[in-house]
N, C-alpha and C. Protein backbone atom coordinates (compact mmCIF):
# COMPACT_ATOMS: atom_id res chain seq x y z
N MET A 1 92.84 132.79 -35.09
CA MET A 1 92.81 133.50 -36.36
C MET A 1 92.28 134.90 -36.13
N ASP A 2 93.10 135.86 -35.90
CA ASP A 2 92.67 137.21 -35.61
C ASP A 2 92.98 138.12 -36.80
N SER A 3 92.15 139.11 -37.00
CA SER A 3 92.35 140.08 -38.07
C SER A 3 91.74 141.39 -37.66
N THR A 4 92.34 142.50 -38.15
CA THR A 4 91.79 143.80 -37.83
C THR A 4 90.57 144.10 -38.69
N GLN A 5 90.37 143.36 -39.76
CA GLN A 5 89.22 143.58 -40.64
C GLN A 5 88.23 142.44 -40.46
N PRO A 6 86.94 142.79 -40.30
CA PRO A 6 85.93 141.73 -40.11
C PRO A 6 85.78 140.89 -41.36
N LEU A 7 85.33 139.66 -41.18
CA LEU A 7 85.13 138.75 -42.30
C LEU A 7 83.96 139.25 -43.15
N PRO A 8 84.14 139.38 -44.47
CA PRO A 8 83.05 139.89 -45.31
C PRO A 8 81.95 138.86 -45.49
N GLN A 9 80.76 139.33 -45.79
CA GLN A 9 79.66 138.45 -46.14
C GLN A 9 79.37 138.67 -47.63
N LEU A 10 79.81 137.73 -48.43
CA LEU A 10 79.74 137.85 -49.88
C LEU A 10 78.53 137.12 -50.44
N ASP A 11 78.06 137.56 -51.61
CA ASP A 11 76.97 136.82 -52.27
C ASP A 11 77.59 135.69 -53.09
N ASP A 12 76.73 134.88 -53.69
CA ASP A 12 77.21 133.70 -54.39
C ASP A 12 78.12 134.04 -55.57
N ALA A 13 77.80 135.10 -56.30
CA ALA A 13 78.62 135.50 -57.44
C ALA A 13 80.00 135.98 -56.98
N GLU A 14 80.03 136.77 -55.92
CA GLU A 14 81.31 137.23 -55.38
C GLU A 14 82.17 136.06 -54.92
N LEU A 15 81.54 135.10 -54.28
CA LEU A 15 82.26 133.92 -53.82
C LEU A 15 82.81 133.11 -54.99
N ARG A 16 82.00 132.94 -56.04
CA ARG A 16 82.45 132.14 -57.18
C ARG A 16 83.64 132.80 -57.88
N VAL A 17 83.58 134.11 -58.07
CA VAL A 17 84.68 134.82 -58.72
C VAL A 17 85.93 134.78 -57.85
N LEU A 18 85.78 135.07 -56.57
CA LEU A 18 86.92 135.06 -55.66
C LEU A 18 87.52 133.65 -55.55
N GLY A 19 86.67 132.65 -55.38
CA GLY A 19 87.14 131.28 -55.28
C GLY A 19 87.86 130.83 -56.53
N SER A 20 87.35 131.22 -57.69
CA SER A 20 87.99 130.85 -58.95
C SER A 20 89.38 131.45 -59.06
N MET A 21 89.53 132.70 -58.60
CA MET A 21 90.85 133.33 -58.60
C MET A 21 91.80 132.58 -57.66
N MET A 22 91.32 132.23 -56.47
CA MET A 22 92.15 131.48 -55.53
C MET A 22 92.63 130.18 -56.16
N GLU A 23 91.71 129.49 -56.82
CA GLU A 23 92.04 128.21 -57.43
C GLU A 23 93.05 128.37 -58.56
N LYS A 24 92.77 129.26 -59.50
CA LYS A 24 93.61 129.37 -60.69
C LYS A 24 95.00 129.93 -60.38
N SER A 25 95.11 130.71 -59.31
CA SER A 25 96.44 131.22 -58.94
C SER A 25 97.39 130.07 -58.61
N ARG A 26 96.81 128.92 -58.21
CA ARG A 26 97.61 127.74 -57.87
C ARG A 26 97.65 126.72 -59.00
N THR A 27 96.51 126.49 -59.66
CA THR A 27 96.44 125.40 -60.62
C THR A 27 96.90 125.78 -62.03
N THR A 28 96.70 127.03 -62.43
CA THR A 28 97.15 127.49 -63.75
C THR A 28 97.87 128.83 -63.61
N PRO A 29 99.03 128.84 -62.94
CA PRO A 29 99.74 130.10 -62.69
C PRO A 29 100.16 130.83 -63.97
N ASP A 30 100.31 130.10 -65.09
CA ASP A 30 100.69 130.75 -66.35
C ASP A 30 99.59 131.67 -66.86
N TYR A 31 98.35 131.43 -66.43
CA TYR A 31 97.21 132.24 -66.86
C TYR A 31 96.73 133.16 -65.75
N TYR A 32 97.58 133.41 -64.77
CA TYR A 32 97.21 134.24 -63.63
C TYR A 32 98.19 135.40 -63.53
N PRO A 33 97.74 136.63 -63.25
CA PRO A 33 96.38 137.12 -63.03
C PRO A 33 95.45 136.84 -64.21
N MET A 34 94.15 137.01 -63.98
CA MET A 34 93.14 136.54 -64.92
C MET A 34 92.40 137.66 -65.63
N THR A 35 92.07 137.40 -66.90
CA THR A 35 91.24 138.32 -67.66
C THR A 35 89.77 138.04 -67.36
N VAL A 36 88.90 138.92 -67.82
CA VAL A 36 87.47 138.70 -67.64
C VAL A 36 87.04 137.41 -68.34
N ASN A 37 87.54 137.19 -69.56
CA ASN A 37 87.17 135.99 -70.30
C ASN A 37 87.57 134.71 -69.58
N SER A 38 88.80 134.70 -69.05
CA SER A 38 89.25 133.49 -68.36
C SER A 38 88.50 133.29 -67.05
N LEU A 39 88.09 134.39 -66.42
CA LEU A 39 87.30 134.28 -65.19
C LEU A 39 85.90 133.75 -65.47
N VAL A 40 85.30 134.18 -66.58
CA VAL A 40 83.98 133.65 -66.95
C VAL A 40 84.07 132.14 -67.14
N ALA A 41 85.11 131.70 -67.84
CA ALA A 41 85.28 130.26 -68.06
C ALA A 41 85.51 129.52 -66.75
N ALA A 42 86.29 130.12 -65.86
CA ALA A 42 86.59 129.48 -64.58
C ALA A 42 85.34 129.38 -63.71
N CYS A 43 84.54 130.43 -63.70
CA CYS A 43 83.31 130.42 -62.90
C CYS A 43 82.32 129.38 -63.41
N ASN A 44 82.29 129.19 -64.75
CA ASN A 44 81.28 128.34 -65.37
C ASN A 44 81.77 126.91 -65.60
N GLN A 45 82.89 126.53 -65.03
CA GLN A 45 83.39 125.17 -65.17
C GLN A 45 82.32 124.15 -64.80
N LYS A 46 82.32 123.03 -65.50
CA LYS A 46 81.39 121.95 -65.18
C LYS A 46 81.96 121.03 -64.11
N THR A 47 83.27 121.10 -63.89
CA THR A 47 83.93 120.26 -62.88
C THR A 47 84.36 121.11 -61.70
N SER A 48 84.46 120.49 -60.56
CA SER A 48 84.97 121.14 -59.34
C SER A 48 84.14 122.32 -58.89
N ARG A 49 82.85 122.33 -59.24
CA ARG A 49 81.98 123.44 -58.88
C ARG A 49 80.64 122.91 -58.35
N LYS A 50 80.15 123.55 -57.29
CA LYS A 50 78.82 123.25 -56.77
C LYS A 50 78.22 124.54 -56.24
N PRO A 51 77.13 125.02 -56.86
CA PRO A 51 76.50 124.46 -58.06
C PRO A 51 77.21 124.90 -59.32
N VAL A 52 76.86 124.28 -60.47
CA VAL A 52 77.35 124.73 -61.76
C VAL A 52 76.54 125.96 -62.15
N VAL A 53 77.22 127.00 -62.63
CA VAL A 53 76.54 128.25 -62.99
C VAL A 53 76.83 128.60 -64.44
N SER A 54 76.16 129.63 -64.92
CA SER A 54 76.38 130.11 -66.29
C SER A 54 76.39 131.64 -66.26
N TYR A 55 77.49 132.20 -65.80
CA TYR A 55 77.63 133.66 -65.71
C TYR A 55 78.02 134.24 -67.06
N ASP A 56 77.50 135.44 -67.36
CA ASP A 56 77.94 136.15 -68.55
C ASP A 56 79.00 137.18 -68.17
N ASP A 57 79.57 137.85 -69.18
CA ASP A 57 80.63 138.82 -68.94
C ASP A 57 80.18 139.92 -67.99
N GLU A 58 78.94 140.41 -68.19
CA GLU A 58 78.45 141.52 -67.37
C GLU A 58 78.39 141.14 -65.89
N THR A 59 77.92 139.93 -65.63
CA THR A 59 77.85 139.47 -64.24
C THR A 59 79.22 139.45 -63.59
N VAL A 60 80.20 138.92 -64.31
CA VAL A 60 81.55 138.82 -63.76
C VAL A 60 82.17 140.21 -63.59
N VAL A 61 81.97 141.09 -64.56
CA VAL A 61 82.53 142.45 -64.46
C VAL A 61 81.93 143.19 -63.27
N ASN A 62 80.62 143.12 -63.12
CA ASN A 62 79.97 143.79 -61.98
C ASN A 62 80.47 143.21 -60.65
N THR A 63 80.66 141.91 -60.62
CA THR A 63 81.15 141.26 -59.40
C THR A 63 82.58 141.67 -59.10
N LEU A 64 83.39 141.78 -60.14
CA LEU A 64 84.77 142.24 -59.95
C LEU A 64 84.79 143.64 -59.36
N ASN A 65 83.88 144.48 -59.80
CA ASN A 65 83.83 145.85 -59.28
C ASN A 65 83.50 145.86 -57.78
N THR A 66 82.56 145.02 -57.36
CA THR A 66 82.20 144.99 -55.94
C THR A 66 83.33 144.39 -55.11
N LEU A 67 83.99 143.37 -55.63
CA LEU A 67 85.12 142.77 -54.91
C LEU A 67 86.29 143.75 -54.80
N LYS A 68 86.47 144.56 -55.84
CA LYS A 68 87.54 145.56 -55.80
C LYS A 68 87.25 146.62 -54.75
N ARG A 69 85.98 147.03 -54.65
CA ARG A 69 85.62 148.02 -53.64
C ARG A 69 85.82 147.46 -52.23
N ARG A 70 85.66 146.16 -52.08
CA ARG A 70 85.88 145.52 -50.78
C ARG A 70 87.37 145.32 -50.49
N GLY A 71 88.20 145.55 -51.48
CA GLY A 71 89.64 145.37 -51.30
C GLY A 71 90.11 143.94 -51.44
N LEU A 72 89.23 143.05 -51.92
CA LEU A 72 89.57 141.63 -52.00
C LEU A 72 90.25 141.26 -53.31
N ILE A 73 90.19 142.14 -54.32
CA ILE A 73 90.92 141.91 -55.56
C ILE A 73 91.54 143.22 -56.01
N SER A 74 92.47 143.12 -56.94
CA SER A 74 93.07 144.31 -57.53
C SER A 74 93.43 144.01 -58.97
N THR A 75 93.67 145.06 -59.74
CA THR A 75 94.06 144.87 -61.14
C THR A 75 95.57 144.74 -61.22
N ALA A 76 96.01 144.02 -62.23
CA ALA A 76 97.45 143.82 -62.44
C ALA A 76 97.83 144.41 -63.78
N THR A 77 98.92 145.15 -63.81
CA THR A 77 99.40 145.75 -65.06
C THR A 77 100.84 145.36 -65.30
N GLY A 78 101.29 145.61 -66.50
CA GLY A 78 102.68 145.29 -66.83
C GLY A 78 102.76 144.57 -68.16
N GLY A 79 103.93 144.66 -68.80
CA GLY A 79 104.12 144.00 -70.07
C GLY A 79 103.45 144.78 -71.19
N THR A 80 103.38 144.16 -72.37
CA THR A 80 102.82 144.83 -73.54
C THR A 80 101.32 144.56 -73.70
N ASP A 81 100.80 143.60 -72.94
CA ASP A 81 99.39 143.26 -73.04
C ASP A 81 98.55 144.32 -72.33
N ARG A 82 97.65 144.95 -73.10
CA ARG A 82 96.84 146.02 -72.53
C ARG A 82 95.53 145.52 -71.92
N VAL A 83 95.27 144.23 -71.99
CA VAL A 83 94.06 143.67 -71.41
C VAL A 83 94.15 143.73 -69.89
N VAL A 84 93.09 144.22 -69.25
CA VAL A 84 93.08 144.31 -67.79
C VAL A 84 93.00 142.91 -67.20
N LYS A 85 93.82 142.66 -66.18
CA LYS A 85 93.81 141.37 -65.50
C LYS A 85 93.62 141.59 -64.00
N TYR A 86 93.14 140.55 -63.34
CA TYR A 86 92.76 140.67 -61.94
C TYR A 86 93.42 139.58 -61.09
N LYS A 87 93.70 139.95 -59.84
CA LYS A 87 94.26 138.99 -58.88
C LYS A 87 93.57 139.19 -57.53
N HIS A 88 93.52 138.13 -56.73
CA HIS A 88 92.86 138.24 -55.43
C HIS A 88 93.85 138.69 -54.36
N ASN A 89 93.31 139.34 -53.33
CA ASN A 89 94.13 139.86 -52.22
C ASN A 89 93.76 139.21 -50.89
N PHE A 90 93.13 138.04 -50.94
CA PHE A 90 92.60 137.46 -49.71
C PHE A 90 93.69 137.26 -48.66
N ALA A 91 94.83 136.78 -49.09
CA ALA A 91 95.91 136.52 -48.13
C ALA A 91 96.61 137.80 -47.68
N ILE A 92 96.32 138.90 -48.37
CA ILE A 92 96.85 140.20 -47.95
C ILE A 92 95.92 140.83 -46.92
N VAL A 93 94.62 140.71 -47.18
CA VAL A 93 93.62 141.30 -46.29
C VAL A 93 93.49 140.52 -44.98
N PHE A 94 93.62 139.18 -45.08
CA PHE A 94 93.45 138.33 -43.91
C PHE A 94 94.71 137.49 -43.67
N PRO A 95 95.01 137.20 -42.40
CA PRO A 95 96.25 136.48 -42.05
C PRO A 95 96.13 134.98 -42.25
N VAL A 96 96.07 134.56 -43.51
CA VAL A 96 95.96 133.13 -43.82
C VAL A 96 97.16 132.68 -44.64
N ILE A 97 97.50 131.42 -44.51
CA ILE A 97 98.64 130.83 -45.21
C ILE A 97 98.12 129.89 -46.30
N PRO A 98 98.99 129.43 -47.22
CA PRO A 98 98.53 128.62 -48.37
C PRO A 98 97.66 127.43 -48.02
N SER A 99 98.00 126.69 -46.98
CA SER A 99 97.19 125.52 -46.62
C SER A 99 95.77 125.94 -46.22
N GLU A 100 95.65 127.08 -45.57
CA GLU A 100 94.34 127.58 -45.14
C GLU A 100 93.55 128.12 -46.33
N ILE A 101 94.24 128.81 -47.25
CA ILE A 101 93.58 129.30 -48.45
C ILE A 101 93.02 128.14 -49.26
N ALA A 102 93.77 127.04 -49.34
CA ALA A 102 93.32 125.87 -50.09
C ALA A 102 92.00 125.34 -49.53
N ILE A 103 91.91 125.23 -48.22
CA ILE A 103 90.68 124.73 -47.59
C ILE A 103 89.52 125.68 -47.83
N ILE A 104 89.74 126.98 -47.61
CA ILE A 104 88.69 127.98 -47.82
C ILE A 104 88.23 127.97 -49.27
N CYS A 105 89.18 127.89 -50.20
CA CYS A 105 88.87 127.86 -51.63
C CYS A 105 87.99 126.67 -51.98
N LEU A 106 88.34 125.49 -51.49
CA LEU A 106 87.56 124.29 -51.79
C LEU A 106 86.14 124.38 -51.23
N LEU A 107 86.01 124.94 -50.05
CA LEU A 107 84.68 125.08 -49.45
C LEU A 107 83.84 126.12 -50.21
N ILE A 108 84.49 127.15 -50.75
CA ILE A 108 83.79 128.15 -51.54
C ILE A 108 83.29 127.55 -52.85
N LEU A 109 84.13 126.79 -53.53
CA LEU A 109 83.82 126.31 -54.87
C LEU A 109 83.00 125.03 -54.89
N ARG A 110 83.15 124.18 -53.86
CA ARG A 110 82.50 122.86 -53.89
C ARG A 110 81.44 122.67 -52.81
N GLY A 111 81.25 123.66 -51.94
CA GLY A 111 80.27 123.50 -50.88
C GLY A 111 80.81 122.69 -49.72
N PRO A 112 79.95 122.32 -48.77
CA PRO A 112 80.38 121.60 -47.57
C PRO A 112 81.09 120.29 -47.91
N GLN A 113 82.16 120.00 -47.19
CA GLN A 113 82.93 118.77 -47.42
C GLN A 113 83.46 118.23 -46.10
N THR A 114 83.71 116.93 -46.11
CA THR A 114 84.32 116.28 -44.96
C THR A 114 85.83 116.45 -45.04
N PRO A 115 86.55 116.23 -43.94
CA PRO A 115 88.01 116.27 -44.00
C PRO A 115 88.58 115.33 -45.06
N GLY A 116 87.97 114.15 -45.21
CA GLY A 116 88.44 113.21 -46.22
C GLY A 116 88.26 113.74 -47.63
N GLU A 117 87.11 114.36 -47.89
CA GLU A 117 86.87 114.93 -49.21
C GLU A 117 87.83 116.09 -49.48
N LEU A 118 88.06 116.92 -48.49
CA LEU A 118 89.00 118.03 -48.64
C LEU A 118 90.40 117.52 -48.93
N ASN A 119 90.79 116.45 -48.26
CA ASN A 119 92.11 115.87 -48.49
C ASN A 119 92.22 115.34 -49.93
N THR A 120 91.17 114.72 -50.42
CA THR A 120 91.16 114.18 -51.78
C THR A 120 91.17 115.29 -52.83
N ASN A 121 90.41 116.35 -52.58
CA ASN A 121 90.23 117.40 -53.58
C ASN A 121 91.33 118.47 -53.58
N SER A 122 92.20 118.44 -52.60
CA SER A 122 93.14 119.55 -52.42
C SER A 122 94.45 119.40 -53.18
N GLY A 123 94.66 118.24 -53.83
CA GLY A 123 95.95 117.94 -54.42
C GLY A 123 96.58 119.02 -55.29
N ARG A 124 95.76 119.67 -56.12
CA ARG A 124 96.31 120.67 -57.04
C ARG A 124 96.46 122.04 -56.38
N LEU A 125 95.88 122.20 -55.20
CA LEU A 125 95.97 123.47 -54.48
C LEU A 125 97.04 123.45 -53.40
N TYR A 126 97.11 122.32 -52.69
CA TYR A 126 98.09 122.19 -51.60
C TYR A 126 98.23 120.71 -51.26
N GLU A 127 99.45 120.26 -51.06
CA GLU A 127 99.69 118.85 -50.75
C GLU A 127 99.70 118.63 -49.24
N PHE A 128 98.57 118.15 -48.72
CA PHE A 128 98.51 117.78 -47.32
C PHE A 128 99.12 116.38 -47.14
N GLU A 129 99.79 116.18 -46.04
CA GLU A 129 100.42 114.89 -45.78
C GLU A 129 99.39 113.82 -45.41
N SER A 130 98.31 114.24 -44.76
CA SER A 130 97.32 113.28 -44.29
C SER A 130 96.01 114.01 -43.95
N ILE A 131 94.97 113.21 -43.68
CA ILE A 131 93.70 113.78 -43.24
C ILE A 131 93.89 114.52 -41.91
N GLU A 132 94.80 114.01 -41.09
CA GLU A 132 95.07 114.67 -39.80
C GLU A 132 95.56 116.10 -40.00
N ASP A 133 96.38 116.31 -41.06
CA ASP A 133 96.85 117.66 -41.35
C ASP A 133 95.70 118.56 -41.78
N VAL A 134 94.79 117.98 -42.57
CA VAL A 134 93.60 118.74 -42.99
C VAL A 134 92.78 119.12 -41.76
N GLN A 135 92.59 118.16 -40.86
CA GLN A 135 91.80 118.42 -39.66
C GLN A 135 92.45 119.50 -38.80
N GLU A 136 93.77 119.51 -38.75
CA GLU A 136 94.47 120.52 -37.97
C GLU A 136 94.20 121.92 -38.52
N VAL A 137 94.20 122.04 -39.85
CA VAL A 137 93.91 123.33 -40.47
C VAL A 137 92.45 123.73 -40.22
N LEU A 138 91.54 122.77 -40.33
CA LEU A 138 90.13 123.04 -40.07
C LEU A 138 89.91 123.51 -38.63
N ASP A 139 90.60 122.88 -37.70
CA ASP A 139 90.48 123.28 -36.30
C ASP A 139 90.96 124.72 -36.10
N LYS A 140 92.04 125.06 -36.78
CA LYS A 140 92.59 126.42 -36.67
C LYS A 140 91.63 127.44 -37.29
N LEU A 141 91.10 127.10 -38.48
CA LEU A 141 90.20 128.02 -39.18
C LEU A 141 88.86 128.20 -38.47
N SER A 142 88.48 127.23 -37.65
CA SER A 142 87.18 127.31 -36.96
C SER A 142 87.29 127.85 -35.54
N SER A 143 88.49 128.28 -35.14
CA SER A 143 88.69 128.79 -33.79
C SER A 143 89.09 130.27 -33.83
N GLY A 144 89.31 130.84 -32.67
CA GLY A 144 89.75 132.23 -32.58
C GLY A 144 88.59 133.20 -32.55
N ASP A 145 88.92 134.49 -32.54
CA ASP A 145 87.91 135.54 -32.46
C ASP A 145 87.11 135.67 -33.76
N MET A 146 87.71 135.26 -34.87
CA MET A 146 87.03 135.39 -36.17
C MET A 146 87.22 134.10 -36.96
N PRO A 147 86.37 133.10 -36.74
CA PRO A 147 86.51 131.85 -37.48
C PRO A 147 86.15 132.02 -38.96
N TYR A 148 86.83 131.24 -39.79
CA TYR A 148 86.57 131.27 -41.23
C TYR A 148 85.67 130.12 -41.68
N VAL A 149 85.64 129.04 -40.89
CA VAL A 149 84.81 127.89 -41.22
C VAL A 149 84.12 127.40 -39.96
N LYS A 150 83.09 126.56 -40.15
CA LYS A 150 82.45 125.93 -39.01
C LYS A 150 82.07 124.50 -39.35
N GLN A 151 81.89 123.71 -38.33
CA GLN A 151 81.48 122.32 -38.50
C GLN A 151 79.97 122.25 -38.52
N LEU A 152 79.41 121.57 -39.51
CA LEU A 152 77.97 121.39 -39.58
C LEU A 152 77.54 120.24 -38.67
N PRO A 153 76.31 120.28 -38.17
CA PRO A 153 75.83 119.18 -37.33
C PRO A 153 75.88 117.85 -38.08
N ARG A 154 76.29 116.82 -37.39
CA ARG A 154 76.32 115.50 -38.01
C ARG A 154 74.90 114.99 -38.22
N ARG A 155 74.62 114.47 -39.38
CA ARG A 155 73.30 113.93 -39.68
C ARG A 155 73.25 112.43 -39.35
N PRO A 156 72.06 111.91 -39.09
CA PRO A 156 71.94 110.48 -38.80
C PRO A 156 72.54 109.62 -39.91
N GLY A 157 73.37 108.66 -39.52
CA GLY A 157 73.98 107.78 -40.50
C GLY A 157 75.22 108.33 -41.16
N GLN A 158 75.58 109.56 -40.83
CA GLN A 158 76.75 110.20 -41.42
C GLN A 158 77.99 109.86 -40.60
N LYS A 159 79.02 109.33 -41.25
CA LYS A 159 80.22 108.92 -40.54
C LYS A 159 81.13 110.10 -40.25
N GLU A 160 81.33 110.95 -41.24
CA GLU A 160 82.23 112.10 -41.08
C GLU A 160 81.43 113.39 -40.99
N VAL A 161 81.94 114.33 -40.24
CA VAL A 161 81.32 115.66 -40.18
C VAL A 161 81.74 116.46 -41.39
N ARG A 162 80.90 117.41 -41.77
CA ARG A 162 81.22 118.31 -42.88
C ARG A 162 81.52 119.71 -42.34
N TYR A 163 82.29 120.44 -43.12
CA TYR A 163 82.63 121.81 -42.77
C TYR A 163 82.16 122.74 -43.87
N VAL A 164 81.86 123.98 -43.48
CA VAL A 164 81.39 124.99 -44.41
C VAL A 164 82.09 126.30 -44.09
N HIS A 165 82.32 127.14 -45.12
CA HIS A 165 82.96 128.44 -44.89
C HIS A 165 81.95 129.42 -44.32
N LEU A 166 82.45 130.52 -43.75
CA LEU A 166 81.60 131.54 -43.12
C LEU A 166 81.68 132.88 -43.84
N LEU A 167 81.85 132.83 -45.16
CA LEU A 167 82.00 134.05 -45.95
C LEU A 167 80.69 134.50 -46.60
N GLY A 168 79.57 133.89 -46.20
CA GLY A 168 78.28 134.31 -46.75
C GLY A 168 77.82 133.38 -47.86
N GLY A 169 76.93 133.90 -48.72
CA GLY A 169 76.41 133.11 -49.83
C GLY A 169 75.35 132.11 -49.38
N THR A 170 75.23 131.03 -50.12
CA THR A 170 74.22 130.01 -49.86
C THR A 170 74.34 129.46 -48.44
N ASP A 171 73.19 129.30 -47.80
CA ASP A 171 73.16 128.72 -46.45
C ASP A 171 73.18 127.20 -46.58
N TRP A 172 74.39 126.64 -46.57
CA TRP A 172 74.54 125.20 -46.78
C TRP A 172 74.09 124.38 -45.58
N SER A 173 73.82 125.05 -44.46
CA SER A 173 73.36 124.30 -43.29
C SER A 173 71.90 123.92 -43.42
N ASP A 174 71.22 124.50 -44.43
CA ASP A 174 69.81 124.18 -44.67
C ASP A 174 69.67 122.69 -44.99
N GLU A 175 68.76 122.04 -44.32
CA GLU A 175 68.58 120.59 -44.50
C GLU A 175 68.09 120.23 -45.89
N SER A 176 67.63 121.20 -46.68
CA SER A 176 67.12 120.90 -48.01
C SER A 176 68.22 120.57 -48.99
N TYR A 177 69.49 120.89 -48.62
CA TYR A 177 70.59 120.60 -49.52
C TYR A 177 71.10 119.19 -49.30
N SER A 178 71.32 118.49 -50.38
CA SER A 178 71.79 117.10 -50.29
C SER A 178 73.22 117.04 -49.84
N THR A 179 73.55 116.01 -49.07
CA THR A 179 74.93 115.80 -48.64
C THR A 179 75.71 114.97 -49.64
N GLU A 180 75.02 114.48 -50.66
CA GLU A 180 75.70 113.63 -51.63
C GLU A 180 76.59 114.48 -52.51
N SER A 181 77.80 114.04 -52.72
CA SER A 181 78.73 114.73 -53.60
C SER A 181 78.52 114.25 -55.02
N ALA A 182 78.68 115.14 -55.97
CA ALA A 182 78.59 114.74 -57.36
C ALA A 182 79.75 113.82 -57.70
N PRO A 183 79.53 112.87 -58.60
CA PRO A 183 80.62 111.96 -58.96
C PRO A 183 81.80 112.73 -59.48
N ARG A 184 82.99 112.35 -59.05
CA ARG A 184 84.21 113.05 -59.45
C ARG A 184 84.93 112.26 -60.52
N SER A 185 85.41 112.94 -61.54
CA SER A 185 86.26 112.30 -62.52
C SER A 185 87.66 112.21 -61.95
N SER A 186 88.53 111.51 -62.64
CA SER A 186 89.89 111.37 -62.13
C SER A 186 90.58 112.71 -62.12
N GLY A 187 91.57 112.84 -61.24
CA GLY A 187 92.29 114.11 -61.13
C GLY A 187 92.94 114.52 -62.44
N GLU A 188 93.44 113.55 -63.17
CA GLU A 188 94.12 113.85 -64.43
C GLU A 188 93.14 114.39 -65.47
N LEU A 189 91.97 113.74 -65.59
CA LEU A 189 90.96 114.18 -66.55
C LEU A 189 90.44 115.56 -66.18
N GLU A 190 90.24 115.79 -64.89
CA GLU A 190 89.75 117.09 -64.41
C GLU A 190 90.75 118.18 -64.72
N ALA A 191 92.04 117.89 -64.52
CA ALA A 191 93.09 118.87 -64.79
C ALA A 191 93.14 119.23 -66.27
N ARG A 192 92.99 118.20 -67.13
CA ARG A 192 93.01 118.43 -68.57
C ARG A 192 91.83 119.29 -69.01
N LEU A 193 90.65 118.99 -68.48
CA LEU A 193 89.45 119.74 -68.84
C LEU A 193 89.57 121.19 -68.41
N THR A 194 90.10 121.41 -67.21
CA THR A 194 90.29 122.77 -66.72
C THR A 194 91.25 123.54 -67.62
N LYS A 195 92.33 122.87 -68.03
CA LYS A 195 93.32 123.52 -68.91
C LYS A 195 92.69 123.88 -70.25
N VAL A 196 91.88 122.97 -70.80
CA VAL A 196 91.22 123.22 -72.08
C VAL A 196 90.27 124.41 -71.97
N GLU A 197 89.50 124.46 -70.87
CA GLU A 197 88.56 125.57 -70.67
C GLU A 197 89.29 126.91 -70.59
N THR A 198 90.43 126.90 -69.90
CA THR A 198 91.22 128.13 -69.77
C THR A 198 91.78 128.55 -71.12
N GLU A 199 92.31 127.59 -71.86
CA GLU A 199 92.90 127.90 -73.17
C GLU A 199 91.84 128.40 -74.14
N LEU A 200 90.63 127.83 -74.09
CA LEU A 200 89.55 128.30 -74.95
C LEU A 200 89.18 129.74 -74.64
N ALA A 201 89.19 130.08 -73.35
CA ALA A 201 88.89 131.46 -72.96
C ALA A 201 89.94 132.41 -73.50
N GLU A 202 91.21 132.00 -73.43
CA GLU A 202 92.30 132.83 -73.94
C GLU A 202 92.20 132.99 -75.45
N LEU A 203 91.83 131.91 -76.16
CA LEU A 203 91.68 131.98 -77.61
C LEU A 203 90.53 132.91 -78.00
N LYS A 204 89.42 132.82 -77.25
CA LYS A 204 88.29 133.71 -77.52
C LYS A 204 88.69 135.16 -77.33
N GLU A 205 89.49 135.40 -76.28
CA GLU A 205 89.94 136.77 -76.01
C GLU A 205 90.83 137.28 -77.14
N ALA A 206 91.75 136.43 -77.61
CA ALA A 206 92.65 136.83 -78.69
C ALA A 206 91.87 137.08 -79.98
N PHE A 207 90.85 136.24 -80.24
CA PHE A 207 90.03 136.41 -81.43
C PHE A 207 89.25 137.72 -81.38
N ASP A 208 88.65 138.00 -80.23
CA ASP A 208 87.89 139.25 -80.07
C ASP A 208 88.79 140.46 -80.28
N LYS A 209 90.01 140.37 -79.75
CA LYS A 209 90.97 141.48 -79.88
C LYS A 209 91.35 141.68 -81.33
N LEU A 210 91.57 140.56 -82.05
CA LEU A 210 91.92 140.64 -83.47
C LEU A 210 90.79 141.24 -84.29
N MET A 211 89.55 140.84 -83.99
CA MET A 211 88.42 141.37 -84.74
C MET A 211 88.26 142.88 -84.53
N LYS A 212 88.52 143.32 -83.30
CA LYS A 212 88.43 144.77 -83.04
C LYS A 212 89.48 145.54 -83.82
N GLU A 213 90.69 144.96 -83.95
CA GLU A 213 91.77 145.63 -84.69
C GLU A 213 91.48 145.68 -86.18
N LEU A 214 90.75 144.66 -86.67
CA LEU A 214 90.45 144.61 -88.10
C LEU A 214 89.29 145.51 -88.49
N MET A 215 88.46 145.85 -87.51
CA MET A 215 87.28 146.68 -87.79
C MET A 215 87.65 148.16 -88.01
């Protein structure tokens, strides 16, 4: 995995915003590129996130500005909608393909995971044929002159190894962090909840726009 640009070291907010864009570009393409409101909702989701956060508009806007200066996102224009929307440029800046973006995205949003967990959680981002396919991508992402992920040391009693991304943020290799995964709801319920959260953000945006026009 070689690139002319070094891998950035992002803070937790930058990672959450970037990861949310990566996810929504695949899971809710009708709402992508994303507005600030939809990004706030995506960052603050109660599902598929570790840890759960509560970002306000200002936090997300400031983070978007730093990501834009890094070249990792850009604004999207077009159509009659004058609301500014944003899209990620990760696959433009770095030589990664969809299967690799899916793995990086999951590690950004959910923290360290085993190949089995990545295989289970990746369905809406990329359809891997098997855990072996996931492992093959992990091996590729963890090799070369500029690795994107690394394998964490196996802990006593742990059957599978976990992997973590190398884009900065929380040091998940710290032993103080639990290896236990939060209970997962079914894929269908999670998909519905995500859709509802996105639609609520869009409704809030439309309401705010209407109120401004009426004032």
